[in-house]
Structures are given as C-alpha cells and as structure tokens.
C-alpha cells in the first residue's frame, strides 16, 4: 500500500505541472541513449547495483503532441554488456500517429550506441558514449489527397545523426551531457500552408517544407531513491537547440531556404522514472516527462505536452 500511495502521489504532482508544449526528447534520440537512459538501482551502502548481464526491454509510449496529435510507440531494445566496461545498445521504434489531419504509422528512426566506462570503481562510474541515429524515411507521408503531412505526423525526422555523450554516476546521483549532430539531411517534407488553404486545421501547424534541423545539446540530472522494492528517479532534462532551423519558403517569386526564427532555444523538462522488480530477471519500468520551458517555434514535430512510458525489462 505504501508503494501504491507513493506512485499515485508522484503521478498527481507531475500531472498538475503546467502542460506547456515543448520538445519531446525520445524522438530526437540522444537523451535516453545507452547509460543516459538508465534507472539507477542503488542503496545506502553506495553499491551501484550494476550487473553484467544482457537486457531486453519493450517500452510502450503515449504522448500528446502539437495540436493534440496522439503519438503511440512500441520500442523494442536490446542491451548487450560485452564486458563490465563495454556496452552495446540498439532500438527500433514502431510508431502510430493520429490527429485532425489523419493517421500515419510505421517504423521510426533506429538508434545504435556503444558506451565504455573510463572510470569504474566503488560507487562511481563514468561512461562515454558514441552512437548513430538513422532515418527510416524522408518525412514524406501524405494524407488521402496526397498532400504532405506536417512533421508531427511523420515517423522519421529524415536525418542521420551522430550521438556523443558522457554519463556520471555517484551512488544515487546521475548527471549526463550529450550532443546530437546532424550528419546527413534527407528530410524531403513538403508541408506548406498554401496546400491547406481549405482547412483551418491544416494551417495550424508549423511549416516544415525542406526542413534542415539544427543540432541539440543535452544536459540531465537525476537522483534515485528506493521505497521498498520500488526505485524512483526524478530529474531535470534540458535540451538546447543550438541554432535556428531552416525550411523552404514559397511565394510569388519562387522558393528559397529561410531561417526559422524562434526555433533556437531551450526546452526544460521535469522527468520521473521508476522501476519495480517482480522477479530476479523481470522488472516493470515507467517514466513521465513534461516541459516547463519551451522553444517558441518547433518545425521538427517534436512538440510534446507530456510523454508517458511503460515497459518490461528482462535481464539474461
């Protein structure tokens, strides 16, 4: 009962947080890659609770995006502990998106990472991470009238990205820094308001034709504490969009690439993770995130007012 009351209290507090619209991190990739997405299982003795077994995870995600779009994801993930220091991870999301302009579903952008513990002793661990996110498509899904849908309806960002990060753990405290750099832009999205002149709903989204997405820098801090068998890990996640995005603008004079004013800036999210072991090998996991500071303009479709995840983790 104590665990149940605590979970209910945490959910109520988080749900009462102002539902500002902000960048949802899980779609871009690096925020939860490798050790950056771990839930620390620590005790007062300072033990890291780290084992060298492999893990498989299936996570189901529910999110509310721009203009009330609903984004559902099923994300299988495989985590291989090659050695006490070396770790490999891969995941591929499957997405379903619905909103007032229609529906779309398909494979999202796959992500692979490798991390290595350059410091690993007592209750302290320092991991460095390198990885890549690949585009599963070019963000060109259309509605029934063959009009390109805006980015919130696309299952891919249309970019191939380099992921770099460092993650530090000391007992229950975790801090991470990461960088996501666009290597190749394959985004061929064609969403412009002029193609949706007969639809007020169709003109309400950020224009994203020919989107050139800027890089992200990420910082997160978390603190884990046990309540019986349950581990709770609240934290803060900051995402700095480093420069302005660009998009194609079309008028009577032709088309040209223009800067998207207001797309650079900070998104600050309140997050909470939880893990509950139900056997030696199986654990239930959950997470929640909502923004309190946002960027003004978000043409990449990563707007989220909230994200909720529920998953099953199997260690073998």
C-alpha atoms as a PDB file:
ATOM      1  CA  UNK A   1       0.000   0.000   0.000  1.00  0.00           C
ATOM      2  CA  UNK A   2       2.849   2.389   0.780  1.00  0.00           C
ATOM      3  CA  UNK A   3       4.336   1.880  -2.695  1.00  0.00           C
ATOM      4  CA  UNK A   4       0.931   2.363  -4.313  1.00  0.00           C
ATOM      5  CA  UNK A   5       0.282   5.594  -2.399  1.00  0.00           C
ATOM      6  CA  UNK A   6       3.696   6.934  -3.405  1.00  0.00           C
ATOM      7  CA  UNK A   7       3.124   6.162  -7.078  1.00  0.00           C
ATOM      8  CA  UNK A   8      -0.262   7.854  -7.029  1.00  0.00           C
ATOM      9  CA  UNK A   9       1.202  10.943  -5.316  1.00  0.00           C
ATOM     10  CA  UNK A  10       4.039  11.218  -7.858  1.00  0.00           C
ATOM     11  CA  UNK A  11       1.634  10.903 -10.778  1.00  0.00           C
ATOM     12  CA  UNK A  12      -0.698  13.552  -9.359  1.00  0.00           C
ATOM     13  CA  UNK A  13       2.135  16.032  -8.741  1.00  0.00           C
ATOM     14  CA  UNK A  14       3.544  15.538 -12.235  1.00  0.00           C
ATOM     15  CA  UNK A  15       0.167  15.758 -13.895  1.00  0.00           C
ATOM     16  CA  UNK A  16      -0.517  19.084 -12.172  1.00  0.00           C
ATOM     17  CA  UNK A  17       2.646  20.529 -13.696  1.00  0.00           C
ATOM     18  CA  UNK A  18       1.709  23.206 -16.263  1.00  0.00           C
ATOM     19  CA  UNK A  19       1.191  21.480 -19.617  1.00  0.00           C
ATOM     20  CA  UNK A  20       3.398  23.792 -21.684  1.00  0.00           C
ATOM     21  CA  UNK A  21       4.134  22.471 -25.149  1.00  0.00           C
ATOM     22  CA  UNK A  22       7.810  21.576 -25.520  1.00  0.00           C
ATOM     23  CA  UNK A  23      10.285  19.393 -27.322  1.00  0.00           C
ATOM     24  CA  UNK A  24       9.818  15.698 -26.701  1.00  0.00           C
ATOM     25  CA  UNK A  25      13.225  14.152 -26.296  1.00  0.00           C
ATOM     26  CA  UNK A  26      12.742  10.464 -27.017  1.00  0.00           C
ATOM     27  CA  UNK A  27      12.084  11.118 -30.708  1.00  0.00           C
ATOM     28  CA  UNK A  28      15.315  13.027 -31.328  1.00  0.00           C
ATOM     29  CA  UNK A  29      17.308  10.183 -29.795  1.00  0.00           C
ATOM     30  CA  UNK A  30      20.305  11.050 -27.657  1.00  0.00           C
ATOM     31  CA  UNK A  31      18.530  11.946 -24.383  1.00  0.00           C
ATOM     32  CA  UNK A  32      17.910   8.324 -23.378  1.00  0.00           C
ATOM     33  CA  UNK A  33      20.670   6.593 -25.347  1.00  0.00           C
ATOM     34  CA  UNK A  34      22.787   3.986 -23.556  1.00  0.00           C
ATOM     35  CA  UNK A  35      23.672   4.880 -19.947  1.00  0.00           C
ATOM     36  CA  UNK A  36      21.896   8.258 -20.316  1.00  0.00           C
ATOM     37  CA  UNK A  37      18.599   6.393 -20.095  1.00  0.00           C
ATOM     38  CA  UNK A  38      19.423   4.137 -17.153  1.00  0.00           C
ATOM     39  CA  UNK A  39      17.458   3.931 -13.930  1.00  0.00           C
ATOM     40  CA  UNK A  40      19.995   3.716 -11.114  1.00  0.00           C
ATOM     41  CA  UNK A  41      19.392   0.939  -8.593  1.00  0.00           C
ATOM     42  CA  UNK A  42      21.435   1.973  -5.611  1.00  0.00           C
ATOM     43  CA  UNK A  43      21.375   1.501  -1.880  1.00  0.00           C
ATOM     44  CA  UNK A  44      22.573   3.489   1.102  1.00  0.00           C
ATOM     45  CA  UNK A  45      25.696   1.371   1.105  1.00  0.00           C
ATOM     46  CA  UNK A  46      26.689   3.028  -2.174  1.00  0.00           C
ATOM     47  CA  UNK A  47      26.647  -0.091  -4.343  1.00  0.00           C
ATOM     48  CA  UNK A  48      25.867   0.715  -7.952  1.00  0.00           C
ATOM     49  CA  UNK A  49      23.644  -2.297  -8.374  1.00  0.00           C
ATOM     50  CA  UNK A  50      25.195  -2.805 -11.840  1.00  0.00           C
ATOM     51  CA  UNK A  51      25.288  -6.316 -13.198  1.00  0.00           C
ATOM     52  CA  UNK A  52      26.932  -7.531 -16.367  1.00  0.00           C
ATOM     53  CA  UNK A  53      24.007  -9.410 -17.769  1.00  0.00           C
ATOM     54  CA  UNK A  54      22.370  -8.511 -21.058  1.00  0.00           C
ATOM     55  CA  UNK A  55      18.910  -6.970 -21.048  1.00  0.00           C
ATOM     56  CA  UNK A  56      15.980  -6.801 -23.429  1.00  0.00           C
ATOM     57  CA  UNK A  57      13.294  -4.166 -22.990  1.00  0.00           C
ATOM     58  CA  UNK A  58       9.917  -3.473 -24.566  1.00  0.00           C
ATOM     59  CA  UNK A  59       8.557   0.002 -23.918  1.00  0.00           C
ATOM     60  CA  UNK A  60       5.129   1.352 -24.800  1.00  0.00           C
ATOM     61  CA  UNK A  61       4.821   5.130 -25.051  1.00  0.00           C
ATOM     62  CA  UNK A  62       1.894   7.544 -25.093  1.00  0.00           C
ATOM     63  CA  UNK A  63       2.433  11.217 -25.920  1.00  0.00           C
ATOM     64  CA  UNK A  64       0.379  14.269 -26.784  1.00  0.00           C
ATOM     65  CA  UNK A  65       1.941  16.414 -29.473  1.00  0.00           C
ATOM     66  CA  UNK A  66       1.271  19.531 -31.491  1.00  0.00           C
ATOM     67  CA  UNK A  67      -2.413  20.427 -31.996  1.00  0.00           C
ATOM     68  CA  UNK A  68      -3.431  17.465 -29.836  1.00  0.00           C
ATOM     69  CA  UNK A  69      -1.879  14.749 -32.018  1.00  0.00           C
ATOM     70  CA  UNK A  70      -1.556  11.408 -30.234  1.00  0.00           C
ATOM     71  CA  UNK A  71       1.731   9.548 -30.689  1.00  0.00           C
ATOM     72  CA  UNK A  72       1.893   5.874 -29.710  1.00  0.00           C
ATOM     73  CA  UNK A  73       5.143   3.945 -29.821  1.00  0.00           C
ATOM     74  CA  UNK A  74       6.300   0.390 -29.180  1.00  0.00           C
ATOM     75  CA  UNK A  75      10.077   0.339 -28.755  1.00  0.00           C
ATOM     76  CA  UNK A  76      11.985  -2.960 -28.581  1.00  0.00           C
ATOM     77  CA  UNK A  77      15.531  -2.527 -27.268  1.00  0.00           C
ATOM     78  CA  UNK A  78      18.498  -4.866 -26.839  1.00  0.00           C
ATOM     79  CA  UNK A  79      21.340  -4.037 -24.447  1.00  0.00           C
ATOM     80  CA  UNK A  80      24.474  -6.214 -24.547  1.00  0.00           C
ATOM     81  CA  UNK A  81      27.042  -5.942 -21.739  1.00  0.00           C
ATOM     82  CA  UNK A  82      30.104  -7.147 -23.631  1.00  0.00           C
ATOM     83  CA  UNK A  83      32.275  -6.625 -20.545  1.00  0.00           C
ATOM     84  CA  UNK A  84      31.997  -4.808 -17.193  1.00  0.00           C
ATOM     85  CA  UNK A  85      33.044  -1.652 -19.062  1.00  0.00           C
ATOM     86  CA  UNK A  86      31.786  -2.054 -22.650  1.00  0.00           C
ATOM     87  CA  UNK A  87      28.128  -1.927 -23.567  1.00  0.00           C
ATOM     88  CA  UNK A  88      26.241  -2.026 -26.880  1.00  0.00           C
ATOM     89  CA  UNK A  89      22.627  -0.962 -27.360  1.00  0.00           C
ATOM     90  CA  UNK A  90      20.147  -0.935 -30.263  1.00  0.00           C
ATOM     91  CA  UNK A  91      16.490   0.049 -30.503  1.00  0.00           C
ATOM     92  CA  UNK A  92      13.914   0.495 -33.258  1.00  0.00           C
ATOM     93  CA  UNK A  93      10.631   2.314 -32.548  1.00  0.00           C
ATOM     94  CA  UNK A  94       7.320   1.450 -34.192  1.00  0.00           C
ATOM     95  CA  UNK A  95       5.025   4.471 -34.302  1.00  0.00           C
ATOM     96  CA  UNK A  96       1.343   5.263 -34.785  1.00  0.00           C
ATOM     97  CA  UNK A  97       0.230   8.894 -35.033  1.00  0.00           C
ATOM     98  CA  UNK A  98      -3.311  10.248 -35.209  1.00  0.00           C
ATOM     99  CA  UNK A  99      -4.727  13.765 -35.293  1.00  0.00           C
ATOM    100  CA  UNK A 100      -7.127  16.107 -37.007  1.00  0.00           C
ATOM    101  CA  UNK A 101      -5.307  15.776 -40.360  1.00  0.00           C
ATOM    102  CA  UNK A 102      -5.293  11.972 -40.482  1.00  0.00           C
ATOM    103  CA  UNK A 103      -3.265   8.967 -39.373  1.00  0.00           C
ATOM    104  CA  UNK A 104       0.155   7.547 -40.098  1.00  0.00           C
ATOM    105  CA  UNK A 105       2.163   4.584 -38.805  1.00  0.00           C
ATOM    106  CA  UNK A 106       5.414   2.820 -39.482  1.00  0.00           C
ATOM    107  CA  UNK A 107       8.970   2.186 -38.367  1.00  0.00           C
ATOM    108  CA  UNK A 108      10.670   5.120 -36.642  1.00  0.00           C
ATOM    109  CA  UNK A 109      14.345   6.039 -36.715  1.00  0.00           C
ATOM    110  CA  UNK A 110      16.650   3.216 -35.470  1.00  0.00           C
ATOM    111  CA  UNK A 111      19.366   4.057 -32.977  1.00  0.00           C
ATOM    112  CA  UNK A 112      22.587   2.227 -32.036  1.00  0.00           C
ATOM    113  CA  UNK A 113      25.152   3.169 -29.386  1.00  0.00           C
ATOM    114  CA  UNK A 114      28.334   1.926 -27.767  1.00  0.00           C
ATOM    115  CA  UNK A 115      29.466   3.106 -24.332  1.00  0.00           C
ATOM    116  CA  UNK A 116      32.622   2.495 -22.324  1.00  0.00           C
ATOM    117  CA  UNK A 117      33.304   3.078 -18.628  1.00  0.00           C
ATOM    118  CA  UNK A 118      36.526   5.071 -18.397  1.00  0.00           C
ATOM    119  CA  UNK A 119      36.052   5.147 -14.613  1.00  0.00           C
ATOM    120  CA  UNK A 120      34.553   2.197 -12.751  1.00  0.00           C
ATOM    121  CA  UNK A 121      35.282   1.723  -9.065  1.00  0.00           C
ATOM    122  CA  UNK A 122      33.381   1.654  -5.785  1.00  0.00           C
ATOM    123  CA  UNK A 123      30.192   3.716  -6.182  1.00  0.00           C
ATOM    124  CA  UNK A 124      31.475   5.882  -9.041  1.00  0.00           C
ATOM    125  CA  UNK A 125      31.135   5.232 -12.765  1.00  0.00           C
ATOM    126  CA  UNK A 126      31.917   7.479 -15.728  1.00  0.00           C
ATOM    127  CA  UNK A 127      30.762   6.331 -19.190  1.00  0.00           C
ATOM    128  CA  UNK A 128      31.488   7.863 -22.572  1.00  0.00           C
ATOM    129  CA  UNK A 129      29.073   7.180 -25.410  1.00  0.00           C
ATOM    130  CA  UNK A 130      29.123   7.278 -29.191  1.00  0.00           C
ATOM    131  CA  UNK A 131      26.257   6.294 -31.436  1.00  0.00           C
ATOM    132  CA  UNK A 132      24.181   6.964 -34.503  1.00  0.00           C
ATOM    133  CA  UNK A 133      20.547   7.543 -35.392  1.00  0.00           C
ATOM    134  CA  UNK A 134      19.473   6.508 -38.884  1.00  0.00           C
ATOM    135  CA  UNK A 135      16.481   7.822 -40.789  1.00  0.00           C
ATOM    136  CA  UNK A 136      13.830   5.231 -41.631  1.00  0.00           C
ATOM    137  CA  UNK A 137      12.284   7.577 -44.191  1.00  0.00           C
ATOM    138  CA  UNK A 138      12.320  11.089 -45.613  1.00  0.00           C
ATOM    139  CA  UNK A 139       9.290  12.546 -43.761  1.00  0.00           C
ATOM    140  CA  UNK A 140       7.100  12.485 -46.874  1.00  0.00           C
ATOM    141  CA  UNK A 141       3.905  10.774 -45.622  1.00  0.00           C
ATOM    142  CA  UNK A 142       0.742  12.299 -47.143  1.00  0.00           C
ATOM    143  CA  UNK A 143      -2.995  12.467 -46.473  1.00  0.00           C
ATOM    144  CA  UNK A 144      -5.713  10.924 -48.674  1.00  0.00           C
ATOM    145  CA  UNK A 145      -5.427  13.859 -51.092  1.00  0.00           C
ATOM    146  CA  UNK A 146      -1.673  13.358 -51.490  1.00  0.00           C
ATOM    147  CA  UNK A 147      -0.827  16.495 -49.521  1.00  0.00           C
ATOM    148  CA  UNK A 148       2.328  16.164 -47.428  1.00  0.00           C
ATOM    149  CA  UNK A 149       1.524  15.953 -43.732  1.00  0.00           C
ATOM    150  CA  UNK A 150       3.361  18.182 -41.235  1.00  0.00           C
ATOM    151  CA  UNK A 151       6.236  16.802 -39.180  1.00  0.00           C
ATOM    152  CA  UNK A 152       4.142  15.741 -36.118  1.00  0.00           C
ATOM    153  CA  UNK A 153       2.613  13.026 -38.366  1.00  0.00           C
ATOM    154  CA  UNK A 154       5.917  11.724 -39.717  1.00  0.00           C
ATOM    155  CA  UNK A 155       7.579   8.597 -38.309  1.00  0.00           C
ATOM    156  CA  UNK A 156      11.091   9.798 -39.225  1.00  0.00           C
ATOM    157  CA  UNK A 157      12.984  13.055 -38.750  1.00  0.00           C
ATOM    158  CA  UNK A 158      14.690  12.386 -42.078  1.00  0.00           C
ATOM    159  CA  UNK A 159      18.209  12.836 -40.691  1.00  0.00           C
ATOM    160  CA  UNK A 160      21.241  10.684 -39.982  1.00  0.00           C
ATOM    161  CA  UNK A 161      22.789  11.863 -36.723  1.00  0.00           C
ATOM    162  CA  UNK A 162      25.959  11.389 -34.713  1.00  0.00           C
ATOM    163  CA  UNK A 163      25.393  10.939 -30.964  1.00  0.00           C
ATOM    164  CA  UNK A 164      28.040  11.754 -28.355  1.00  0.00           C
ATOM    165  CA  UNK A 165      27.702  11.745 -24.593  1.00  0.00           C
ATOM    166  CA  UNK A 166      29.177  11.327 -21.142  1.00  0.00           C
ATOM    167  CA  UNK A 167      27.332   9.986 -18.093  1.00  0.00           C
ATOM    168  CA  UNK A 168      28.497  10.195 -14.467  1.00  0.00           C
ATOM    169  CA  UNK A 169      27.094   8.173 -11.546  1.00  0.00           C
ATOM    170  CA  UNK A 170      27.973   8.553  -7.889  1.00  0.00           C
ATOM    171  CA  UNK A 171      25.805   6.404  -5.658  1.00  0.00           C
ATOM    172  CA  UNK A 172      22.251   7.635  -6.287  1.00  0.00           C
ATOM    173  CA  UNK A 173      23.174  10.766  -8.230  1.00  0.00           C
ATOM    174  CA  UNK A 174      23.428  10.759 -12.034  1.00  0.00           C
ATOM    175  CA  UNK A 175      24.437  13.553 -14.400  1.00  0.00           C
ATOM    176  CA  UNK A 176      24.834  13.422 -18.162  1.00  0.00           C
ATOM    177  CA  UNK A 177      25.849  15.618 -21.080  1.00  0.00           C
ATOM    178  CA  UNK A 178      25.175  14.776 -24.723  1.00  0.00           C
ATOM    179  CA  UNK A 179      25.322  16.179 -28.226  1.00  0.00           C
ATOM    180  CA  UNK A 180      23.295  15.220 -31.303  1.00  0.00           C
ATOM    181  CA  UNK A 181      24.795  16.364 -34.610  1.00  0.00           C
ATOM    182  CA  UNK A 182      23.027  16.074 -37.972  1.00  0.00           C
ATOM    183  CA  UNK A 183      25.434  14.390 -40.393  1.00  0.00           C
ATOM    184  CA  UNK A 184      23.114  13.938 -43.384  1.00  0.00           C
ATOM    185  CA  UNK A 185      19.821  15.702 -44.004  1.00  0.00           C
ATOM    186  CA  UNK A 186      17.453  13.502 -46.028  1.00  0.00           C
ATOM    187  CA  UNK A 187      14.308  15.352 -44.981  1.00  0.00           C
ATOM    188  CA  UNK A 188      12.076  15.890 -48.039  1.00  0.00           C
ATOM    189  CA  UNK A 189       8.991  17.082 -46.178  1.00  0.00           C
ATOM    190  CA  UNK A 190       6.727  19.337 -48.248  1.00  0.00           C
ATOM    191  CA  UNK A 191       4.252  20.742 -45.718  1.00  0.00           C
ATOM    192  CA  UNK A 192       3.273  24.326 -46.593  1.00  0.00           C
ATOM    193  CA  UNK A 193       0.187  26.267 -45.549  1.00  0.00           C
ATOM    194  CA  UNK A 194      -0.640  27.112 -49.166  1.00  0.00           C
ATOM    195  CA  UNK A 195      -1.519  23.452 -49.836  1.00  0.00           C
ATOM    196  CA  UNK A 196      -4.056  23.514 -46.965  1.00  0.00           C
ATOM    197  CA  UNK A 197      -5.926  26.736 -47.790  1.00  0.00           C
ATOM    198  CA  UNK A 198      -9.295  24.955 -47.469  1.00  0.00           C
ATOM    199  CA  UNK A 199      -8.522  23.623 -43.960  1.00  0.00           C
ATOM    200  CA  UNK A 200      -8.155  25.733 -40.817  1.00  0.00           C
ATOM    201  CA  UNK A 201      -6.778  22.669 -39.018  1.00  0.00           C
ATOM    202  CA  UNK A 202      -4.272  22.118 -41.809  1.00  0.00           C
ATOM    203  CA  UNK A 203      -2.850  25.618 -41.439  1.00  0.00           C
ATOM    204  CA  UNK A 204      -2.363  25.422 -37.666  1.00  0.00           C
ATOM    205  CA  UNK A 205       0.959  23.510 -37.729  1.00  0.00           C
ATOM    206  CA  UNK A 206       4.482  24.871 -38.143  1.00  0.00           C
ATOM    207  CA  UNK A 207       5.574  24.876 -41.792  1.00  0.00           C
ATOM    208  CA  UNK A 208       8.363  22.357 -42.425  1.00  0.00           C
ATOM    209  CA  UNK A 209       8.964  22.017 -46.181  1.00  0.00           C
ATOM    210  CA  UNK A 210      12.593  21.104 -46.853  1.00  0.00           C
ATOM    211  CA  UNK A 211      13.375  21.191 -43.142  1.00  0.00           C
ATOM    212  CA  UNK A 212      17.052  21.481 -42.179  1.00  0.00           C
ATOM    213  CA  UNK A 213      17.141  20.626 -38.497  1.00  0.00           C
ATOM    214  CA  UNK A 214      19.793  22.106 -36.188  1.00  0.00           C
ATOM    215  CA  UNK A 215      21.875  20.221 -33.600  1.00  0.00           C
ATOM    216  CA  UNK A 216      20.933  19.632 -29.951  1.00  0.00           C
ATOM    217  CA  UNK A 217      22.965  19.790 -26.742  1.00  0.00           C
ATOM    218  CA  UNK A 218      21.507  17.912 -23.776  1.00  0.00           C
ATOM    219  CA  UNK A 219      22.073  18.008 -20.017  1.00  0.00           C
ATOM    220  CA  UNK A 220      20.252  15.931 -17.429  1.00  0.00           C
ATOM    221  CA  UNK A 221      20.467  15.330 -13.688  1.00  0.00           C
ATOM    222  CA  UNK A 222      18.659  12.616 -11.716  1.00  0.00           C
ATOM    223  CA  UNK A 223      18.552  11.250  -8.210  1.00  0.00           C
ATOM    224  CA  UNK A 224      17.332   7.746  -7.385  1.00  0.00           C
ATOM    225  CA  UNK A 225      15.851   6.664  -4.075  1.00  0.00           C
ATOM    226  CA  UNK A 226      14.244   3.383  -3.017  1.00  0.00           C
ATOM    227  CA  UNK A 227      10.813   2.931  -1.486  1.00  0.00           C
ATOM    228  CA  UNK A 228      10.755  -0.719  -0.530  1.00  0.00           C
ATOM    229  CA  UNK A 229      11.453  -2.633  -3.739  1.00  0.00           C
ATOM    230  CA  UNK A 230      10.473   0.321  -5.889  1.00  0.00           C
ATOM    231  CA  UNK A 231      13.120   2.736  -7.201  1.00  0.00           C
ATOM    232  CA  UNK A 232      12.023   6.290  -8.080  1.00  0.00           C
ATOM    233  CA  UNK A 233      14.283   8.599 -10.076  1.00  0.00           C
ATOM    234  CA  UNK A 234      13.082  12.192 -10.546  1.00  0.00           C
ATOM    235  CA  UNK A 235      15.164  14.614 -12.568  1.00  0.00           C
ATOM    236  CA  UNK A 236      15.538  17.554 -14.913  1.00  0.00           C
ATOM    237  CA  UNK A 237      16.266  17.322 -18.635  1.00  0.00           C
ATOM    238  CA  UNK A 238      17.481  20.381 -20.582  1.00  0.00           C
ATOM    239  CA  UNK A 239      17.641  20.416 -24.394  1.00  0.00           C
ATOM    240  CA  UNK A 240      19.334  23.366 -26.087  1.00  0.00           C
ATOM    241  CA  UNK A 241      18.587  23.675 -29.813  1.00  0.00           C
ATOM    242  CA  UNK A 242      21.890  25.255 -30.799  1.00  0.00           C
ATOM    243  CA  UNK A 243      20.983  27.270 -33.920  1.00  0.00           C
ATOM    244  CA  UNK A 244      17.889  28.190 -35.889  1.00  0.00           C
ATOM    245  CA  UNK A 245      16.342  25.528 -38.126  1.00  0.00           C
ATOM    246  CA  UNK A 246      15.829  26.265 -41.818  1.00  0.00           C
ATOM    247  CA  UNK A 247      12.939  25.497 -44.163  1.00  0.00           C
ATOM    248  CA  UNK A 248      11.810  26.167 -47.717  1.00  0.00           C
ATOM    249  CA  UNK A 249       9.608  29.207 -48.240  1.00  0.00           C
ATOM    250  CA  UNK A 250       7.468  29.570 -51.372  1.00  0.00           C
ATOM    251  CA  UNK A 251       5.913  32.792 -52.674  1.00  0.00           C
ATOM    252  CA  UNK A 252       5.183  34.516 -55.992  1.00  0.00           C
ATOM    253  CA  UNK A 253       8.908  34.958 -56.571  1.00  0.00           C
ATOM    254  CA  UNK A 254       9.771  31.266 -56.221  1.00  0.00           C
ATOM    255  CA  UNK A 255      11.230  29.115 -53.453  1.00  0.00           C
ATOM    256  CA  UNK A 256      14.190  29.671 -51.172  1.00  0.00           C
ATOM    257  CA  UNK A 257      15.682  28.375 -47.932  1.00  0.00           C
ATOM    258  CA  UNK A 258      14.941  30.654 -44.973  1.00  0.00           C
ATOM    259  CA  UNK A 259      15.833  30.699 -41.305  1.00  0.00           C
ATOM    260  CA  UNK A 260      13.068  29.697 -38.906  1.00  0.00           C
ATOM    261  CA  UNK A 261      13.126  32.487 -36.342  1.00  0.00           C
ATOM    262  CA  UNK A 262      12.401  31.311 -32.797  1.00  0.00           C
ATOM    263  CA  UNK A 263      13.430  27.687 -33.402  1.00  0.00           C
ATOM    264  CA  UNK A 264      16.693  28.057 -31.468  1.00  0.00           C
ATOM    265  CA  UNK A 265      16.454  27.912 -27.691  1.00  0.00           C
ATOM    266  CA  UNK A 266      15.988  25.914 -24.508  1.00  0.00           C
ATOM    267  CA  UNK A 267      13.476  23.265 -23.529  1.00  0.00           C
ATOM    268  CA  UNK A 268      13.496  22.240 -19.862  1.00  0.00           C
ATOM    269  CA  UNK A 269      11.606  19.099 -18.844  1.00  0.00           C
ATOM    270  CA  UNK A 270      10.662  17.669 -15.462  1.00  0.00           C
ATOM    271  CA  UNK A 271      11.084  13.889 -15.582  1.00  0.00           C
ATOM    272  CA  UNK A 272      10.423  10.919 -13.337  1.00  0.00           C
ATOM    273  CA  UNK A 273      11.435   7.276 -13.838  1.00  0.00           C
ATOM    274  CA  UNK A 274      10.501   4.204 -11.809  1.00  0.00           C
ATOM    275  CA  UNK A 275      11.495   0.547 -11.704  1.00  0.00           C
ATOM    276  CA  UNK A 276       9.814  -2.251  -9.777  1.00  0.00           C
ATOM    277  CA  UNK A 277      11.446  -5.729  -9.796  1.00  0.00           C
ATOM    278  CA  UNK A 278       8.878  -8.511  -9.938  1.00  0.00           C
ATOM    279  CA  UNK A 279      11.357 -11.397 -10.168  1.00  0.00           C
ATOM    280  CA  UNK A 280      15.102 -11.997 -10.391  1.00  0.00           C
ATOM    281  CA  UNK A 281      15.074 -11.317 -14.131  1.00  0.00           C
ATOM    282  CA  UNK A 282      11.991  -9.212 -14.800  1.00  0.00           C
ATOM    283  CA  UNK A 283      11.243  -5.595 -13.856  1.00  0.00           C
ATOM    284  CA  UNK A 284       8.469  -3.172 -14.676  1.00  0.00           C
ATOM    285  CA  UNK A 285       9.541   0.329 -15.671  1.00  0.00           C
ATOM    286  CA  UNK A 286       7.716   3.598 -16.108  1.00  0.00           C
ATOM    287  CA  UNK A 287       8.584   7.191 -16.930  1.00  0.00           C
ATOM    288  CA  UNK A 288       6.908  10.565 -17.298  1.00  0.00           C
ATOM    289  CA  UNK A 289       8.037  13.901 -18.695  1.00  0.00           C
ATOM    290  CA  UNK A 290       6.531  17.339 -19.195  1.00  0.00           C
ATOM    291  CA  UNK A 291       8.114  20.692 -20.164  1.00  0.00           C
ATOM    292  CA  UNK A 292       8.244  23.867 -18.082  1.00  0.00           C
ATOM    293  CA  UNK A 293      10.335  25.950 -20.537  1.00  0.00           C
ATOM    294  CA  UNK A 294       9.995  25.659 -24.318  1.00  0.00           C
ATOM    295  CA  UNK A 295      11.230  26.966 -27.642  1.00  0.00           C
ATOM    296  CA  UNK A 296       8.898  29.385 -29.436  1.00  0.00           C
ATOM    297  CA  UNK A 297       8.854  27.566 -32.796  1.00  0.00           C
ATOM    298  CA  UNK A 298       9.260  23.815 -33.317  1.00  0.00           C
ATOM    299  CA  UNK A 299       9.011  22.809 -37.012  1.00  0.00           C
ATOM    300  CA  UNK A 300      10.581  19.362 -36.416  1.00  0.00           C
ATOM    301  CA  UNK A 301       7.323  17.964 -34.974  1.00  0.00           C
ATOM    302  CA  UNK A 302       8.822  17.075 -31.585  1.00  0.00           C
ATOM    303  CA  UNK A 303       6.338  19.182 -29.622  1.00  0.00           C
ATOM    304  CA  UNK A 304       5.069  17.266 -26.577  1.00  0.00           C
ATOM    305  CA  UNK A 305       2.890  18.435 -23.696  1.00  0.00           C
ATOM    306  CA  UNK A 306       3.510  15.119 -21.938  1.00  0.00           C
ATOM    307  CA  UNK A 307       5.143  11.742 -22.509  1.00  0.00           C
ATOM    308  CA  UNK A 308       4.311   8.600 -20.517  1.00  0.00           C
ATOM    309  CA  UNK A 309       6.140   5.289 -20.912  1.00  0.00           C
ATOM    310  CA  UNK A 310       5.515   1.827 -19.506  1.00  0.00           C
ATOM    311  CA  UNK A 311       7.888  -1.041 -20.149  1.00  0.00           C
ATOM    312  CA  UNK A 312       9.064  -4.517 -19.252  1.00  0.00           C
ATOM    313  CA  UNK A 313      12.779  -5.213 -18.754  1.00  0.00           C
ATOM    314  CA  UNK A 314      14.223  -8.740 -18.896  1.00  0.00           C
ATOM    315  CA  UNK A 315      17.804  -9.471 -17.780  1.00  0.00           C
ATOM    316  CA  UNK A 316      19.538 -12.595 -19.079  1.00  0.00           C
END
